[in-house]
């Protein structure tokens, strides 16, 4: 019988860490874990081998966290399967897409999901420690998430979405939406509850909770679903760098982000 399981690892030490981070951040990378360090790449293959072996023959639908003691609380890892309709919510306000969607279509989906909080509110843990995520739907063409922003310090930093386009709808609170400009201060606007914005796969932007906005919730829709992002920041060498990041790693500022707007 087919089985499905996965490992989730963070924070992972790679050559990109010392190459793209200021020295003080390199020294502290992984210090927030119970182990006091980042996971080494050589520590990850044994987990994959275990899942592929007969020793895990009765394990399916599980995520094994290689996180140094950190809880896997910031993202819902379970994904509805396109081949298993019973795993999908029956009352989705959209049909499962069979092809890539446009930014405008994604905006309509984000707004529709926002109007059905029963799809996401029970799974959306709210904490000031970090942004938290609740997955609503994923197939090969669409990924939809609800995200909770409970502190003013919750900030994605400037990033792109690799080959995905997307849309964001603000359910409650307020998001500061900023755009990176070369040689000039970033531009930004406050997007209040009820506001929506969308973008194509060339877009670079930053989202953070508007200071003093209070509890904020957003709905995000991406097509195709996010696999990788690129995070931007000015490093100790004074140059702008892009750090490729797996979509399972929470976005956060990498390096100096320029003069904030607002």
Protein backbone atom coordinates (compact mmCIF):
# COMPACT_ATOMS: atom_id res chain seq x y z
CA UNK A 1 0.00 0.00 0.00
CA UNK A 2 1.44 3.45 -0.88
CA UNK A 3 2.58 5.56 2.06
CA UNK A 4 3.30 9.29 2.36
CA UNK A 5 5.50 10.85 5.02
CA UNK A 6 7.94 13.71 5.13
CA UNK A 7 10.62 15.34 7.21
CA UNK A 8 10.65 19.01 8.16
CA UNK A 9 13.98 20.55 9.08
CA UNK A 10 14.90 23.96 10.43
CA UNK A 11 17.15 25.83 10.83
CA UNK A 12 19.56 24.12 8.39
CA UNK A 13 23.22 25.11 8.14
CA UNK A 14 24.31 25.52 4.51
CA UNK A 15 27.17 27.40 2.79
CA UNK A 16 24.66 30.18 2.01
CA UNK A 17 24.40 31.07 5.70
CA UNK A 18 27.91 32.55 6.16
CA UNK A 19 27.87 33.81 2.56
CA UNK A 20 24.68 35.86 2.87
CA UNK A 21 24.30 36.84 6.55
CA UNK A 22 26.09 39.42 8.70
CA UNK A 23 28.70 37.89 11.01
CA UNK A 24 26.71 38.43 14.21
CA UNK A 25 23.71 36.60 12.74
CA UNK A 26 25.92 33.74 11.56
CA UNK A 27 27.22 33.31 15.11
CA UNK A 28 23.65 33.13 16.48
CA UNK A 29 22.15 30.99 13.70
CA UNK A 30 20.31 28.10 15.35
CA UNK A 31 20.86 29.39 18.89
CA UNK A 32 17.09 29.61 19.44
CA UNK A 33 16.71 25.81 19.34
CA UNK A 34 16.85 23.57 22.38
CA UNK A 35 20.05 22.08 20.96
CA UNK A 36 21.61 25.54 20.68
CA UNK A 37 22.73 25.05 17.07
CA UNK A 38 21.48 24.53 13.52
CA UNK A 39 20.98 21.10 11.99
CA UNK A 40 23.83 19.93 9.77
CA UNK A 41 23.00 18.67 6.24
CA UNK A 42 24.52 15.27 7.10
CA UNK A 43 21.89 14.82 9.81
CA UNK A 44 18.98 14.88 7.33
CA UNK A 45 19.51 11.81 5.05
CA UNK A 46 19.04 9.27 7.88
CA UNK A 47 15.48 10.54 8.35
CA UNK A 48 14.72 9.98 4.65
CA UNK A 49 16.31 6.53 4.79
CA UNK A 50 14.14 5.66 7.80
CA UNK A 51 10.96 6.63 5.98
CA UNK A 52 12.04 4.58 2.95
CA UNK A 53 12.83 1.51 5.06
CA UNK A 54 10.67 -1.32 6.42
CA UNK A 55 11.23 0.05 9.92
CA UNK A 56 8.66 2.76 9.07
CA UNK A 57 6.25 0.41 7.28
CA UNK A 58 3.31 1.38 9.51
CA UNK A 59 3.92 5.13 9.32
CA UNK A 60 2.00 7.29 6.86
CA UNK A 61 0.71 10.85 6.80
CA UNK A 62 3.30 11.95 9.36
CA UNK A 63 5.89 14.72 9.53
CA UNK A 64 9.10 14.07 11.47
CA UNK A 65 10.56 17.34 12.69
CA UNK A 66 14.34 17.68 12.60
CA UNK A 67 14.14 20.99 14.42
CA UNK A 68 16.38 20.79 17.48
CA UNK A 69 13.36 20.80 19.77
CA UNK A 70 11.30 23.50 18.08
CA UNK A 71 7.62 22.67 17.69
CA UNK A 72 6.17 22.42 14.20
CA UNK A 73 3.44 24.90 14.99
CA UNK A 74 3.84 27.62 12.41
CA UNK A 75 2.60 25.71 9.38
CA UNK A 76 -0.01 23.05 8.83
CA UNK A 77 1.84 20.34 6.91
CA UNK A 78 -1.09 18.14 5.90
CA UNK A 79 -1.99 18.58 2.24
CA UNK A 80 -5.29 17.55 0.65
CA UNK A 81 -4.65 15.05 -2.11
CA UNK A 82 -6.14 15.71 -5.59
CA UNK A 83 -6.66 11.96 -5.86
CA UNK A 84 -8.56 11.72 -2.60
CA UNK A 85 -11.66 13.99 -2.65
CA UNK A 86 -12.59 12.84 0.85
CA UNK A 87 -9.50 14.64 2.14
CA UNK A 88 -10.73 17.99 0.80
CA UNK A 89 -13.25 20.27 2.51
CA UNK A 90 -16.64 19.70 0.92
CA UNK A 91 -17.67 23.36 1.17
CA UNK A 92 -14.79 25.08 -0.63
CA UNK A 93 -16.02 28.32 -2.26
CA UNK A 94 -14.17 27.47 -5.49
CA UNK A 95 -13.60 24.50 -7.76
CA UNK A 96 -10.25 22.74 -7.62
CA UNK A 97 -8.33 24.25 -10.57
CA UNK A 98 -6.97 22.11 -13.38
CA UNK A 99 -4.51 24.70 -14.68
CA UNK A 100 -2.51 27.70 -13.53
CA UNK A 101 -4.58 30.66 -12.30
CA UNK A 102 -4.10 34.38 -12.93
CA UNK A 103 -3.46 36.89 -10.12
CA UNK A 104 -6.99 38.22 -10.54
CA UNK A 105 -8.48 34.73 -10.19
CA UNK A 106 -6.39 34.18 -7.07
CA UNK A 107 -7.70 37.43 -5.60
CA UNK A 108 -11.27 36.18 -6.04
CA UNK A 109 -10.38 32.89 -4.32
CA UNK A 110 -8.65 34.66 -1.40
CA UNK A 111 -11.71 36.85 -0.83
CA UNK A 112 -14.07 33.88 -1.05
CA UNK A 113 -12.04 31.89 1.49
CA UNK A 114 -11.92 34.89 3.81
CA UNK A 115 -15.72 34.88 3.86
CA UNK A 116 -15.76 31.28 5.12
CA UNK A 117 -13.75 31.35 8.37
CA UNK A 118 -14.89 27.81 9.20
CA UNK A 119 -12.31 26.67 6.61
CA UNK A 120 -9.35 28.06 8.53
CA UNK A 121 -10.05 29.61 11.93
CA UNK A 122 -9.93 26.38 13.98
CA UNK A 123 -6.48 25.50 12.65
CA UNK A 124 -4.99 28.98 13.01
CA UNK A 125 -3.11 29.19 16.28
CA UNK A 126 -2.54 32.77 17.45
CA UNK A 127 0.69 33.68 19.24
CA UNK A 128 2.97 36.69 19.42
CA UNK A 129 6.02 34.40 19.18
CA UNK A 130 5.77 34.01 15.39
CA UNK A 131 3.38 34.09 12.45
CA UNK A 132 1.24 30.96 12.30
CA UNK A 133 -0.27 29.27 9.27
CA UNK A 134 -3.32 27.15 8.50
CA UNK A 135 -3.53 25.38 5.15
CA UNK A 136 -6.92 25.54 3.43
CA UNK A 137 -6.26 23.77 0.12
CA UNK A 138 -3.38 22.57 -2.04
CA UNK A 139 -3.23 20.77 -5.36
CA UNK A 140 -0.66 21.02 -8.15
CA UNK A 141 -2.11 24.34 -9.38
CA UNK A 142 -3.19 26.17 -6.23
CA UNK A 143 -2.17 26.66 -2.62
CA UNK A 144 -4.34 28.60 -0.16
CA UNK A 145 -3.30 29.57 3.38
CA UNK A 146 -4.55 31.64 6.30
CA UNK A 147 -1.84 33.50 8.24
CA UNK A 148 -1.99 35.08 11.68
CA UNK A 149 0.09 38.20 12.53
CA UNK A 150 -0.10 38.83 16.27
CA UNK A 151 2.87 41.18 16.88
CA UNK A 152 4.25 44.32 15.26
CA UNK A 153 7.54 42.49 14.70
CA UNK A 154 5.93 39.92 12.39
CA UNK A 155 7.64 40.70 9.09
CA UNK A 156 8.38 38.72 5.92
CA UNK A 157 11.23 40.91 4.71
CA UNK A 158 11.53 41.59 0.99
CA UNK A 159 11.03 38.43 -1.05
CA UNK A 160 9.88 37.00 -4.36
CA UNK A 161 7.76 33.91 -5.05
CA UNK A 162 9.99 32.19 -7.62
CA UNK A 163 7.59 31.02 -10.36
CA UNK A 164 4.32 31.57 -8.48
CA UNK A 165 1.89 34.44 -8.77
CA UNK A 166 -0.37 35.24 -5.85
CA UNK A 167 -2.98 37.28 -4.03
CA UNK A 168 -3.50 38.41 -0.43
CA UNK A 169 -6.75 39.42 1.27
CA UNK A 170 -6.73 41.09 4.69
CA UNK A 171 -9.45 39.59 6.88
CA UNK A 172 -8.80 41.66 10.00
CA UNK A 173 -6.25 44.15 11.29
CA UNK A 174 -3.88 45.84 8.85
CA UNK A 175 -0.82 44.87 6.76
CA UNK A 176 1.95 47.22 5.65
CA UNK A 177 2.68 46.26 2.01
CA UNK A 178 6.04 47.52 0.73
CA UNK A 179 7.81 47.45 -2.63
CA UNK A 180 11.58 47.39 -3.11
CA UNK A 181 13.16 50.10 -5.30
CA UNK A 182 16.79 50.36 -6.37
CA UNK A 183 18.47 53.61 -5.36
CA UNK A 184 15.39 54.93 -3.57
CA UNK A 185 13.39 54.42 -0.41
CA UNK A 186 10.89 51.54 -0.61
CA UNK A 187 7.31 52.51 -1.25
CA UNK A 188 4.49 51.17 0.89
CA UNK A 189 0.82 51.36 1.74
CA UNK A 190 -1.33 50.18 4.61
CA UNK A 191 -3.85 47.54 3.53
CA UNK A 192 -6.78 47.48 5.93
CA UNK A 193 -9.33 44.74 6.60
CA UNK A 194 -11.28 44.04 3.43
CA UNK A 195 -8.39 45.04 1.17
CA UNK A 196 -6.88 42.73 -1.46
CA UNK A 197 -3.78 42.90 -3.64
CA UNK A 198 -2.38 40.47 -6.23
CA UNK A 199 0.90 40.05 -8.08
CA UNK A 200 2.61 38.11 -10.86
CA UNK A 201 5.74 35.96 -10.68
CA UNK A 202 8.10 38.93 -11.22
CA UNK A 203 7.04 40.64 -7.99
CA UNK A 204 9.31 41.55 -5.05
CA UNK A 205 7.55 42.80 -1.93
CA UNK A 206 7.50 42.84 1.86
CA UNK A 207 4.59 42.35 4.25
CA UNK A 208 4.58 43.20 7.94
CA UNK A 209 1.91 43.97 10.46
CA UNK A 210 1.10 47.66 10.53
CA UNK A 211 2.40 48.95 13.88
CA UNK A 212 -0.42 49.15 16.39
CA UNK A 213 -2.90 47.42 14.09
CA UNK A 214 -3.77 44.69 16.59
CA UNK A 215 -4.46 41.04 15.72
CA UNK A 216 -4.26 40.62 11.95
CA UNK A 217 -5.29 37.71 9.72
CA UNK A 218 -4.67 37.35 5.99
CA UNK A 219 -5.63 34.82 3.31
CA UNK A 220 -2.97 33.97 0.70
CA UNK A 221 -3.50 32.16 -2.61
CA UNK A 222 -0.64 31.08 -4.90
CA UNK A 223 -0.54 29.46 -8.32
CA UNK A 224 1.28 27.20 -8.64
CA UNK A 225 1.74 26.50 -4.90
CA UNK A 226 4.92 27.93 -3.41
CA UNK A 227 7.91 25.61 -3.60
CA UNK A 228 10.71 28.14 -3.17
CA UNK A 229 11.04 31.85 -2.45
CA UNK A 230 13.92 34.30 -2.71
CA UNK A 231 14.66 36.62 0.22
CA UNK A 232 16.40 39.97 -0.33
CA UNK A 233 18.53 42.14 1.92
CA UNK A 234 21.63 44.30 2.08
CA UNK A 235 24.41 42.32 3.74
CA UNK A 236 27.59 43.41 5.51
CA UNK A 237 29.29 43.97 2.14
CA UNK A 238 26.77 46.71 1.31
CA UNK A 239 25.35 44.78 -1.65
CA UNK A 240 21.87 43.41 -2.27
CA UNK A 241 21.73 39.61 -2.01
CA UNK A 242 19.03 37.06 -2.83
CA UNK A 243 18.82 34.04 -0.53
CA UNK A 244 16.93 31.05 -2.01
CA UNK A 245 14.61 29.65 0.64
CA UNK A 246 12.49 26.51 0.74
CA UNK A 247 8.79 27.40 1.02
CA UNK A 248 8.55 25.44 4.28
CA UNK A 249 10.87 27.94 5.97
CA UNK A 250 9.10 30.94 7.45
CA UNK A 251 9.93 34.19 5.67
CA UNK A 252 11.79 36.78 7.74
CA UNK A 253 14.10 39.73 7.00
CA UNK A 254 17.53 38.73 5.71
CA UNK A 255 19.95 41.63 6.06
CA UNK A 256 19.11 45.36 6.01
CA UNK A 257 15.70 46.04 4.47
CA UNK A 258 16.08 49.75 3.68
CA UNK A 259 14.21 52.65 5.29
CA UNK A 260 10.77 51.46 6.34
CA UNK A 261 7.70 53.24 5.06
CA UNK A 262 4.79 54.43 7.16
